[in-house]
């Protein structure tokens, strides 16, 4: 059994205003020509959005960074394709990050859905969001307070609460922003 071309210690991403910063650390590298940074919006079709040269051979920890200056609105999936000098390659685990360009913009998916929604808005994981679901007449049918996960996403489960139909999802952030969007439960 041969030695793996790299030993990947970490691969992470974080939101930086209108960009996504990817960073990774290798413990060692052997014959590492380069890294293809790949992105997918569905987890199946992957596109190379950048290439960084590898160290070739190294026995010490090395840190790399790449900025995605044009992330897609919604859920972005990233992986590294490590390529050896002989052309062989290996893939890293996938990192997922939600992205909404403006704080006033909200991405809700899937929409329509069966009642489980994911909401993206670059929410601060340390703050709560007040969530109200209204019917077409403007009556509040459901209230909740939610905190975002580490990726800035809110997970909302409305299956046992609301019948199929159109609703208005209204959110108020701790900094006073009011955000509304239509949702449809099938």
N, C-alpha and C. Protein backbone atom coordinates (compact mmCIF):
# COMPACT_ATOMS: atom_id res chain seq x y z
N UNK A 1 0.85 -1.18 0.00
CA UNK A 1 0.00 0.00 0.00
C UNK A 1 0.89 1.23 0.00
N UNK A 2 0.65 2.16 -0.93
CA UNK A 2 1.45 3.38 -1.03
C UNK A 2 0.99 4.43 -0.04
N UNK A 3 1.78 5.47 0.07
CA UNK A 3 1.47 6.59 0.95
C UNK A 3 0.45 7.50 0.29
N UNK A 4 -0.52 8.00 1.07
CA UNK A 4 -1.48 8.95 0.52
C UNK A 4 -0.76 10.23 0.12
N UNK A 5 -1.22 10.91 -0.94
CA UNK A 5 -0.52 12.09 -1.43
C UNK A 5 -0.54 13.26 -0.44
N UNK A 6 -1.60 13.41 0.33
CA UNK A 6 -1.64 14.46 1.36
C UNK A 6 -2.34 13.91 2.59
N UNK A 7 -2.02 14.49 3.72
CA UNK A 7 -2.76 14.23 4.95
C UNK A 7 -3.47 15.53 5.29
N UNK A 8 -4.77 15.56 5.10
CA UNK A 8 -5.58 16.75 5.30
C UNK A 8 -6.01 16.82 6.76
N UNK A 9 -5.57 17.87 7.47
CA UNK A 9 -5.95 18.04 8.88
C UNK A 9 -7.30 18.70 9.04
N UNK A 10 -7.60 19.68 8.17
CA UNK A 10 -8.88 20.39 8.27
C UNK A 10 -9.23 21.00 6.92
N UNK A 11 -10.54 21.22 6.73
CA UNK A 11 -11.06 21.92 5.57
C UNK A 11 -12.31 22.63 6.03
N UNK A 12 -12.30 23.97 6.03
CA UNK A 12 -13.40 24.76 6.57
C UNK A 12 -13.74 25.91 5.65
N UNK A 13 -14.90 26.51 5.89
CA UNK A 13 -15.31 27.70 5.17
C UNK A 13 -16.03 28.64 6.10
N UNK A 14 -16.01 29.92 5.74
CA UNK A 14 -16.75 30.92 6.52
C UNK A 14 -17.17 32.06 5.62
N UNK A 15 -18.27 32.71 6.02
CA UNK A 15 -18.80 33.85 5.28
C UNK A 15 -18.04 35.11 5.66
N UNK A 16 -17.65 35.87 4.66
CA UNK A 16 -17.02 37.18 4.87
C UNK A 16 -17.74 38.18 3.98
N UNK A 17 -18.81 38.78 4.49
CA UNK A 17 -19.65 39.73 3.78
C UNK A 17 -20.18 39.12 2.49
N UNK A 18 -19.64 39.50 1.33
CA UNK A 18 -20.18 39.00 0.07
C UNK A 18 -19.29 37.93 -0.56
N UNK A 19 -18.43 37.30 0.25
CA UNK A 19 -17.53 36.27 -0.24
C UNK A 19 -17.53 35.09 0.74
N UNK A 20 -16.99 33.98 0.28
CA UNK A 20 -16.80 32.81 1.14
C UNK A 20 -15.32 32.47 1.14
N UNK A 21 -14.76 32.39 2.34
CA UNK A 21 -13.35 32.05 2.49
C UNK A 21 -13.23 30.57 2.83
N UNK A 22 -12.46 29.85 2.04
CA UNK A 22 -12.17 28.44 2.29
C UNK A 22 -10.74 28.34 2.80
N UNK A 23 -10.52 27.50 3.80
CA UNK A 23 -9.17 27.30 4.32
C UNK A 23 -8.97 25.83 4.65
N UNK A 24 -7.73 25.38 4.46
CA UNK A 24 -7.41 24.00 4.79
C UNK A 24 -5.96 23.89 5.22
N UNK A 25 -5.69 22.85 5.97
CA UNK A 25 -4.34 22.61 6.47
C UNK A 25 -3.96 21.17 6.13
N UNK A 26 -2.76 21.00 5.58
CA UNK A 26 -2.23 19.67 5.35
C UNK A 26 -1.12 19.40 6.36
N UNK A 27 -1.05 18.17 6.84
CA UNK A 27 0.02 17.77 7.77
C UNK A 27 1.26 17.37 6.99
N UNK A 28 1.04 16.78 5.82
CA UNK A 28 2.15 16.38 4.95
C UNK A 28 1.64 16.30 3.52
N UNK A 29 2.57 16.37 2.57
CA UNK A 29 2.24 16.26 1.16
C UNK A 29 3.32 15.45 0.45
N UNK A 30 2.88 14.64 -0.49
CA UNK A 30 3.82 13.86 -1.29
C UNK A 30 3.37 13.94 -2.75
N UNK A 31 4.24 14.49 -3.60
CA UNK A 31 3.96 14.63 -5.03
C UNK A 31 2.68 15.41 -5.31
N UNK A 32 2.37 16.39 -4.47
CA UNK A 32 1.14 17.17 -4.61
C UNK A 32 1.35 18.32 -5.58
N UNK A 33 0.80 18.19 -6.79
CA UNK A 33 0.94 19.23 -7.81
C UNK A 33 0.07 20.44 -7.49
N UNK A 34 -1.24 20.21 -7.26
CA UNK A 34 -2.14 21.34 -6.99
C UNK A 34 -3.47 20.86 -6.41
N UNK A 35 -4.24 21.85 -5.97
CA UNK A 35 -5.61 21.64 -5.50
C UNK A 35 -6.56 22.32 -6.46
N UNK A 36 -7.56 21.59 -6.95
CA UNK A 36 -8.68 22.20 -7.66
C UNK A 36 -9.73 22.49 -6.60
N UNK A 37 -10.18 23.74 -6.50
CA UNK A 37 -11.25 24.09 -5.58
C UNK A 37 -12.54 23.98 -6.38
N UNK A 38 -13.44 23.11 -5.93
CA UNK A 38 -14.66 22.84 -6.69
C UNK A 38 -15.90 23.24 -5.89
N UNK A 39 -16.93 23.71 -6.62
CA UNK A 39 -18.20 24.13 -6.00
C UNK A 39 -19.36 23.46 -6.72
N UNK A 40 -20.40 23.17 -5.94
CA UNK A 40 -21.62 22.60 -6.50
C UNK A 40 -22.81 23.21 -5.77
N UNK A 41 -23.91 23.41 -6.51
CA UNK A 41 -25.13 23.88 -5.85
C UNK A 41 -26.11 22.74 -5.60
N UNK A 42 -25.78 21.55 -6.12
CA UNK A 42 -26.70 20.41 -5.92
C UNK A 42 -26.00 19.16 -5.37
N UNK A 43 -24.70 19.21 -5.20
CA UNK A 43 -23.96 18.06 -4.67
C UNK A 43 -23.65 16.99 -5.70
N UNK A 44 -24.05 17.22 -6.96
CA UNK A 44 -23.80 16.23 -8.00
C UNK A 44 -22.92 16.77 -9.12
N UNK A 45 -23.22 17.96 -9.61
CA UNK A 45 -22.42 18.59 -10.67
C UNK A 45 -21.41 19.52 -9.99
N UNK A 46 -20.12 19.26 -10.21
CA UNK A 46 -19.05 20.03 -9.59
C UNK A 46 -18.30 20.83 -10.64
N UNK A 47 -17.94 22.08 -10.30
CA UNK A 47 -17.22 22.96 -11.20
C UNK A 47 -15.98 23.50 -10.50
N UNK A 48 -14.86 23.49 -11.18
CA UNK A 48 -13.63 24.04 -10.62
C UNK A 48 -13.71 25.55 -10.68
N UNK A 49 -13.56 26.21 -9.52
CA UNK A 49 -13.64 27.67 -9.46
C UNK A 49 -12.27 28.29 -9.17
N UNK A 50 -11.26 27.45 -8.96
CA UNK A 50 -9.92 27.96 -8.71
C UNK A 50 -8.92 26.83 -8.57
N UNK A 51 -7.65 27.16 -8.74
CA UNK A 51 -6.57 26.18 -8.61
C UNK A 51 -5.47 26.83 -7.77
N UNK A 52 -4.99 26.10 -6.76
CA UNK A 52 -3.85 26.55 -5.96
C UNK A 52 -2.74 25.51 -6.06
N UNK A 53 -1.53 25.96 -6.24
CA UNK A 53 -0.39 25.05 -6.32
C UNK A 53 -0.16 24.37 -4.98
N UNK A 54 0.18 23.09 -5.03
CA UNK A 54 0.55 22.35 -3.83
C UNK A 54 2.03 22.55 -3.54
N UNK A 55 2.48 22.02 -2.43
CA UNK A 55 3.88 22.18 -2.03
C UNK A 55 4.79 21.14 -2.68
N UNK A 56 4.21 20.18 -3.39
CA UNK A 56 5.02 19.09 -3.93
C UNK A 56 5.26 18.06 -2.86
N UNK A 57 6.34 18.22 -2.10
CA UNK A 57 6.66 17.32 -0.99
C UNK A 57 6.93 18.15 0.26
N UNK A 58 6.27 17.76 1.35
CA UNK A 58 6.46 18.49 2.61
C UNK A 58 6.11 17.57 3.78
N UNK A 59 6.88 17.68 4.85
CA UNK A 59 6.58 16.93 6.07
C UNK A 59 6.13 17.86 7.19
N UNK A 60 5.80 19.10 6.87
CA UNK A 60 5.34 20.03 7.89
C UNK A 60 3.94 20.53 7.55
N UNK A 61 3.24 21.04 8.56
CA UNK A 61 1.88 21.54 8.36
C UNK A 61 1.91 22.79 7.49
N UNK A 62 1.04 22.81 6.48
CA UNK A 62 0.93 23.95 5.58
C UNK A 62 -0.51 24.41 5.52
N UNK A 63 -0.72 25.72 5.53
CA UNK A 63 -2.06 26.30 5.50
C UNK A 63 -2.33 26.93 4.13
N UNK A 64 -3.54 26.74 3.64
CA UNK A 64 -3.97 27.28 2.36
C UNK A 64 -5.28 28.05 2.55
N UNK A 65 -5.50 29.06 1.69
CA UNK A 65 -6.74 29.82 1.69
C UNK A 65 -7.15 30.11 0.26
N UNK A 66 -8.47 30.16 0.07
CA UNK A 66 -9.03 30.52 -1.23
C UNK A 66 -10.31 31.31 -0.99
N UNK A 67 -10.50 32.42 -1.72
CA UNK A 67 -11.71 33.23 -1.60
C UNK A 67 -12.61 32.97 -2.80
N UNK A 68 -13.84 32.54 -2.53
CA UNK A 68 -14.86 32.47 -3.57
C UNK A 68 -15.50 33.85 -3.61
N UNK A 69 -15.11 34.64 -4.60
CA UNK A 69 -15.59 36.03 -4.69
C UNK A 69 -16.95 36.14 -5.35
N UNK A 70 -17.48 35.03 -5.84
CA UNK A 70 -18.78 35.06 -6.51
C UNK A 70 -19.60 33.83 -6.12
N UNK A 71 -19.89 33.64 -4.81
CA UNK A 71 -20.68 32.46 -4.43
C UNK A 71 -22.10 32.55 -4.96
N UNK A 72 -22.70 31.40 -5.16
CA UNK A 72 -24.09 31.35 -5.63
C UNK A 72 -25.03 31.66 -4.47
N UNK A 73 -26.16 32.29 -4.78
CA UNK A 73 -27.18 32.52 -3.76
C UNK A 73 -27.77 31.15 -3.41
N UNK A 74 -27.84 30.85 -2.14
CA UNK A 74 -28.35 29.56 -1.68
C UNK A 74 -27.25 28.75 -1.03
N UNK A 75 -27.37 27.44 -1.12
CA UNK A 75 -26.42 26.54 -0.48
C UNK A 75 -25.27 26.23 -1.43
N UNK A 76 -24.05 26.54 -1.00
CA UNK A 76 -22.84 26.25 -1.77
C UNK A 76 -22.13 25.07 -1.13
N UNK A 77 -21.77 24.10 -1.94
CA UNK A 77 -21.00 22.95 -1.46
C UNK A 77 -19.61 23.04 -2.07
N UNK A 78 -18.59 22.83 -1.24
CA UNK A 78 -17.21 22.92 -1.70
C UNK A 78 -16.46 21.63 -1.39
N UNK A 79 -15.52 21.31 -2.26
CA UNK A 79 -14.60 20.21 -2.00
C UNK A 79 -13.26 20.54 -2.67
N UNK A 80 -12.24 19.83 -2.22
CA UNK A 80 -10.91 19.97 -2.81
C UNK A 80 -10.62 18.73 -3.63
N UNK A 81 -10.14 18.92 -4.82
CA UNK A 81 -9.64 17.82 -5.63
C UNK A 81 -8.12 17.97 -5.64
N UNK A 82 -7.45 17.09 -4.91
CA UNK A 82 -5.99 17.13 -4.84
C UNK A 82 -5.45 16.35 -6.03
N UNK A 83 -4.54 16.95 -6.79
CA UNK A 83 -4.01 16.34 -8.01
C UNK A 83 -2.50 16.15 -7.86
N UNK A 84 -2.04 14.90 -8.10
CA UNK A 84 -0.61 14.57 -8.05
C UNK A 84 0.08 14.99 -9.35
N UNK A 85 1.42 14.96 -9.33
CA UNK A 85 2.19 15.26 -10.53
C UNK A 85 1.91 14.26 -11.65
N UNK A 86 1.53 13.02 -11.30
CA UNK A 86 1.23 12.01 -12.32
C UNK A 86 -0.22 12.08 -12.82
N UNK A 87 -1.00 13.04 -12.30
CA UNK A 87 -2.38 13.22 -12.75
C UNK A 87 -3.42 12.50 -11.91
N UNK A 88 -3.00 11.59 -11.02
CA UNK A 88 -3.99 10.93 -10.15
C UNK A 88 -4.52 11.95 -9.14
N UNK A 89 -5.71 11.68 -8.60
CA UNK A 89 -6.34 12.67 -7.72
C UNK A 89 -7.13 12.00 -6.62
N UNK A 90 -7.45 12.80 -5.61
CA UNK A 90 -8.31 12.35 -4.51
C UNK A 90 -9.19 13.54 -4.10
N UNK A 91 -10.31 13.24 -3.44
CA UNK A 91 -11.28 14.27 -3.07
C UNK A 91 -11.37 14.42 -1.56
N UNK A 92 -11.59 15.65 -1.13
CA UNK A 92 -11.76 15.94 0.30
C UNK A 92 -13.22 15.74 0.69
N UNK A 93 -13.50 15.78 1.99
CA UNK A 93 -14.90 15.86 2.42
C UNK A 93 -15.52 17.17 1.91
N UNK A 94 -16.83 17.25 1.90
CA UNK A 94 -17.57 18.41 1.40
C UNK A 94 -17.86 19.38 2.55
N UNK A 95 -17.69 20.67 2.27
CA UNK A 95 -18.05 21.75 3.19
C UNK A 95 -19.25 22.47 2.61
N UNK A 96 -20.30 22.71 3.42
CA UNK A 96 -21.51 23.39 2.95
C UNK A 96 -21.64 24.74 3.64
N UNK A 97 -21.95 25.78 2.84
CA UNK A 97 -22.18 27.12 3.37
C UNK A 97 -23.34 27.76 2.64
N UNK A 98 -24.27 28.33 3.40
CA UNK A 98 -25.37 29.08 2.82
C UNK A 98 -24.95 30.51 2.57
N UNK A 99 -25.48 31.12 1.50
CA UNK A 99 -25.09 32.47 1.15
C UNK A 99 -26.29 33.25 0.62
N UNK A 100 -26.52 34.42 1.21
CA UNK A 100 -27.51 35.39 0.71
C UNK A 100 -26.79 36.73 0.65
N UNK A 101 -26.72 37.34 -0.52
CA UNK A 101 -25.86 38.52 -0.72
C UNK A 101 -26.22 39.68 0.18
N UNK A 102 -27.47 40.06 0.23
CA UNK A 102 -27.87 41.18 1.08
C UNK A 102 -28.59 40.65 2.30
N UNK A 103 -28.41 41.33 3.42
CA UNK A 103 -29.09 40.90 4.63
C UNK A 103 -30.60 40.96 4.48
N UNK A 104 -31.11 41.84 3.63
CA UNK A 104 -32.56 41.93 3.45
C UNK A 104 -33.08 40.83 2.54
N UNK A 105 -32.19 40.11 1.90
CA UNK A 105 -32.58 39.03 1.01
C UNK A 105 -32.61 37.73 1.78
N UNK A 106 -33.60 36.93 1.50
CA UNK A 106 -33.72 35.65 2.18
C UNK A 106 -33.92 34.57 1.13
N UNK A 107 -33.31 33.42 1.37
CA UNK A 107 -33.46 32.28 0.49
C UNK A 107 -34.14 31.18 1.31
N UNK A 108 -35.27 30.69 0.82
CA UNK A 108 -36.00 29.62 1.48
C UNK A 108 -36.05 28.44 0.52
N UNK A 109 -35.61 27.28 0.99
CA UNK A 109 -35.66 26.11 0.13
C UNK A 109 -35.96 24.88 0.95
N UNK A 110 -36.50 23.83 0.40
CA UNK A 110 -37.20 23.90 -0.89
C UNK A 110 -38.50 24.69 -0.73
N UNK A 111 -38.92 25.31 -1.76
CA UNK A 111 -40.16 26.08 -1.73
C UNK A 111 -40.82 26.00 -3.10
N UNK A 112 -41.91 25.26 -3.21
CA UNK A 112 -42.74 24.67 -2.15
C UNK A 112 -42.07 23.45 -1.50
N UNK A 113 -42.60 23.10 -0.31
CA UNK A 113 -42.07 21.94 0.40
C UNK A 113 -43.20 21.22 1.13
N UNK A 114 -42.82 20.14 1.80
CA UNK A 114 -43.79 19.37 2.57
C UNK A 114 -43.96 19.93 3.98
N UNK A 115 -43.31 21.06 4.28
CA UNK A 115 -43.43 21.69 5.58
C UNK A 115 -42.11 21.87 6.29
N UNK A 116 -41.05 21.28 5.76
CA UNK A 116 -39.71 21.49 6.32
C UNK A 116 -38.96 22.45 5.41
N UNK A 117 -38.55 23.59 5.97
CA UNK A 117 -37.86 24.63 5.21
C UNK A 117 -36.51 24.93 5.82
N UNK A 118 -35.56 25.28 4.97
CA UNK A 118 -34.29 25.82 5.41
C UNK A 118 -34.26 27.27 4.94
N UNK A 119 -33.87 28.18 5.84
CA UNK A 119 -33.85 29.60 5.54
C UNK A 119 -32.41 30.09 5.62
N UNK A 120 -31.97 30.74 4.55
CA UNK A 120 -30.62 31.31 4.48
C UNK A 120 -30.72 32.82 4.47
N UNK A 121 -29.89 33.47 5.28
CA UNK A 121 -29.86 34.93 5.30
C UNK A 121 -28.57 35.42 5.91
N UNK A 122 -27.52 34.58 5.96
CA UNK A 122 -26.27 34.95 6.63
C UNK A 122 -26.54 35.36 8.07
N UNK A 123 -27.47 34.64 8.74
CA UNK A 123 -27.81 34.93 10.12
C UNK A 123 -26.60 34.74 11.02
N UNK A 124 -26.51 35.56 12.03
CA UNK A 124 -25.47 35.43 13.04
C UNK A 124 -25.86 34.29 13.97
N UNK A 125 -25.04 33.24 14.08
CA UNK A 125 -25.39 32.10 14.93
C UNK A 125 -25.58 32.47 16.40
N UNK A 126 -25.05 33.61 16.85
CA UNK A 126 -25.16 33.98 18.26
C UNK A 126 -26.44 34.76 18.57
N UNK A 127 -27.26 35.04 17.57
CA UNK A 127 -28.47 35.81 17.82
C UNK A 127 -29.72 35.00 17.45
N UNK A 128 -30.84 35.41 18.05
CA UNK A 128 -32.12 34.75 17.77
C UNK A 128 -32.89 35.52 16.72
N UNK A 129 -33.75 34.80 16.01
CA UNK A 129 -34.64 35.38 15.02
C UNK A 129 -36.07 35.07 15.45
N UNK A 130 -36.90 36.10 15.45
CA UNK A 130 -38.33 35.90 15.75
C UNK A 130 -39.02 35.54 14.44
N UNK A 131 -39.72 34.42 14.44
CA UNK A 131 -40.35 33.91 13.23
C UNK A 131 -41.87 33.89 13.42
N UNK A 132 -42.59 34.45 12.45
CA UNK A 132 -44.05 34.40 12.44
C UNK A 132 -44.51 33.83 11.11
N UNK A 133 -45.51 32.95 11.16
CA UNK A 133 -46.14 32.42 9.94
C UNK A 133 -47.56 32.96 9.90
N UNK A 134 -47.89 33.63 8.79
CA UNK A 134 -49.21 34.24 8.64
C UNK A 134 -49.97 33.59 7.50
N UNK A 135 -51.29 33.56 7.62
CA UNK A 135 -52.12 33.07 6.53
C UNK A 135 -52.35 34.21 5.54
N UNK A 136 -53.02 33.96 4.40
CA UNK A 136 -53.22 35.02 3.40
C UNK A 136 -54.04 36.21 3.92
N UNK A 137 -54.77 36.04 5.04
CA UNK A 137 -55.55 37.13 5.61
C UNK A 137 -54.72 37.97 6.59
N UNK A 138 -53.46 37.58 6.80
CA UNK A 138 -52.59 38.33 7.69
C UNK A 138 -52.66 37.89 9.15
N UNK A 139 -53.36 36.82 9.43
CA UNK A 139 -53.45 36.32 10.80
C UNK A 139 -52.22 35.47 11.13
N UNK A 140 -51.65 35.70 12.32
CA UNK A 140 -50.49 34.93 12.76
C UNK A 140 -50.95 33.55 13.22
N UNK A 141 -50.44 32.51 12.57
CA UNK A 141 -50.82 31.14 12.89
C UNK A 141 -49.77 30.42 13.73
N UNK A 142 -48.53 30.90 13.65
CA UNK A 142 -47.45 30.23 14.38
C UNK A 142 -46.35 31.24 14.68
N UNK A 143 -45.82 31.17 15.92
CA UNK A 143 -44.70 32.02 16.33
C UNK A 143 -43.60 31.13 16.87
N UNK A 144 -42.36 31.57 16.65
CA UNK A 144 -41.22 30.80 17.15
C UNK A 144 -40.01 31.72 17.27
N UNK A 145 -39.06 31.33 18.10
CA UNK A 145 -37.76 32.01 18.20
C UNK A 145 -36.71 30.96 17.87
N UNK A 146 -35.87 31.27 16.89
CA UNK A 146 -34.88 30.31 16.42
C UNK A 146 -33.50 30.92 16.42
N UNK A 147 -32.51 30.06 16.55
CA UNK A 147 -31.11 30.46 16.41
C UNK A 147 -30.54 29.74 15.20
N UNK A 148 -29.71 30.43 14.46
CA UNK A 148 -29.09 29.85 13.26
C UNK A 148 -28.00 28.86 13.65
N UNK A 149 -27.74 27.93 12.74
CA UNK A 149 -26.62 27.01 12.95
C UNK A 149 -25.32 27.71 12.56
N UNK A 150 -24.22 27.01 12.64
CA UNK A 150 -22.92 27.61 12.36
C UNK A 150 -22.76 28.08 10.92
N UNK A 151 -23.66 27.65 10.03
CA UNK A 151 -23.59 28.04 8.63
C UNK A 151 -24.55 29.18 8.29
N UNK A 152 -25.20 29.76 9.31
CA UNK A 152 -26.13 30.86 9.08
C UNK A 152 -27.49 30.42 8.58
N UNK A 153 -27.84 29.15 8.84
CA UNK A 153 -29.13 28.60 8.37
C UNK A 153 -30.09 28.46 9.54
N UNK A 154 -31.38 28.63 9.23
CA UNK A 154 -32.46 28.31 10.17
C UNK A 154 -33.21 27.12 9.60
N UNK A 155 -33.52 26.16 10.46
CA UNK A 155 -34.32 25.01 10.05
C UNK A 155 -35.70 25.16 10.67
N UNK A 156 -36.75 25.13 9.83
CA UNK A 156 -38.12 25.33 10.29
C UNK A 156 -38.94 24.10 9.95
N UNK A 157 -39.63 23.56 10.95
CA UNK A 157 -40.48 22.38 10.74
C UNK A 157 -41.93 22.78 10.99
N UNK A 158 -42.75 22.80 9.92
CA UNK A 158 -44.14 23.22 10.03
C UNK A 158 -45.13 22.10 9.71
N UNK A 159 -44.64 20.89 9.44
CA UNK A 159 -45.51 19.77 9.05
C UNK A 159 -46.64 19.51 10.04
N UNK A 160 -46.35 19.36 11.32
CA UNK A 160 -47.45 19.00 12.23
C UNK A 160 -48.33 20.20 12.60
N UNK A 161 -47.93 21.41 12.22
CA UNK A 161 -48.60 22.62 12.68
C UNK A 161 -49.59 23.18 11.67
N UNK A 162 -49.19 23.20 10.39
CA UNK A 162 -49.98 23.88 9.37
C UNK A 162 -50.42 22.93 8.25
N UNK A 163 -51.60 23.21 7.73
CA UNK A 163 -52.14 22.44 6.61
C UNK A 163 -51.50 22.92 5.31
N UNK A 164 -51.59 22.13 4.25
CA UNK A 164 -51.07 22.59 2.96
C UNK A 164 -51.73 23.91 2.54
N UNK A 165 -50.92 24.77 1.90
CA UNK A 165 -51.43 26.04 1.43
C UNK A 165 -50.36 27.11 1.40
N UNK A 166 -50.72 28.33 0.96
CA UNK A 166 -49.76 29.44 0.90
C UNK A 166 -49.70 30.17 2.25
N UNK A 167 -48.51 30.63 2.60
CA UNK A 167 -48.31 31.36 3.85
C UNK A 167 -47.28 32.46 3.64
N UNK A 168 -47.24 33.39 4.57
CA UNK A 168 -46.21 34.41 4.59
C UNK A 168 -45.30 34.13 5.77
N UNK A 169 -44.03 34.04 5.50
CA UNK A 169 -43.03 33.82 6.54
C UNK A 169 -42.42 35.19 6.84
N UNK A 170 -42.55 35.63 8.09
CA UNK A 170 -42.03 36.94 8.48
C UNK A 170 -41.02 36.75 9.61
N UNK A 171 -39.84 37.36 9.44
CA UNK A 171 -38.78 37.24 10.43
C UNK A 171 -38.35 38.62 10.90
N UNK A 172 -37.99 38.68 12.18
CA UNK A 172 -37.43 39.91 12.74
C UNK A 172 -36.14 39.53 13.44
N UNK A 173 -35.04 40.16 13.03
CA UNK A 173 -33.74 39.86 13.62
C UNK A 173 -33.53 40.72 14.85
N UNK A 174 -32.54 40.36 15.66
CA UNK A 174 -32.27 41.11 16.88
C UNK A 174 -31.82 42.54 16.59
N UNK A 175 -31.27 42.77 15.39
CA UNK A 175 -30.85 44.13 15.06
C UNK A 175 -31.98 44.94 14.41
N UNK A 176 -33.21 44.39 14.44
CA UNK A 176 -34.39 45.13 14.00
C UNK A 176 -34.79 44.98 12.56
N UNK A 177 -34.11 44.16 11.77
CA UNK A 177 -34.50 43.96 10.38
C UNK A 177 -35.76 43.11 10.29
N UNK A 178 -36.67 43.50 9.41
CA UNK A 178 -37.86 42.72 9.12
C UNK A 178 -37.73 42.15 7.73
N UNK A 179 -37.88 40.84 7.62
CA UNK A 179 -37.72 40.15 6.35
C UNK A 179 -38.95 39.27 6.15
N UNK A 180 -39.54 39.33 4.94
CA UNK A 180 -40.73 38.53 4.64
C UNK A 180 -40.56 37.83 3.31
N UNK A 181 -41.16 36.65 3.21
CA UNK A 181 -41.20 35.93 1.95
C UNK A 181 -42.37 34.97 1.95
N UNK A 182 -42.84 34.63 0.78
CA UNK A 182 -43.97 33.69 0.65
C UNK A 182 -43.44 32.27 0.65
N UNK A 183 -44.20 31.36 1.29
CA UNK A 183 -43.88 29.94 1.25
C UNK A 183 -45.13 29.15 0.89
N UNK A 184 -44.93 27.96 0.39
CA UNK A 184 -46.05 27.10 0.02
C UNK A 184 -45.80 25.72 0.60
N UNK A 185 -46.77 25.24 1.38
CA UNK A 185 -46.72 23.89 1.91
C UNK A 185 -47.63 23.02 1.06
N UNK A 186 -47.09 21.93 0.55
CA UNK A 186 -47.87 21.04 -0.33
C UNK A 186 -48.46 19.90 0.46
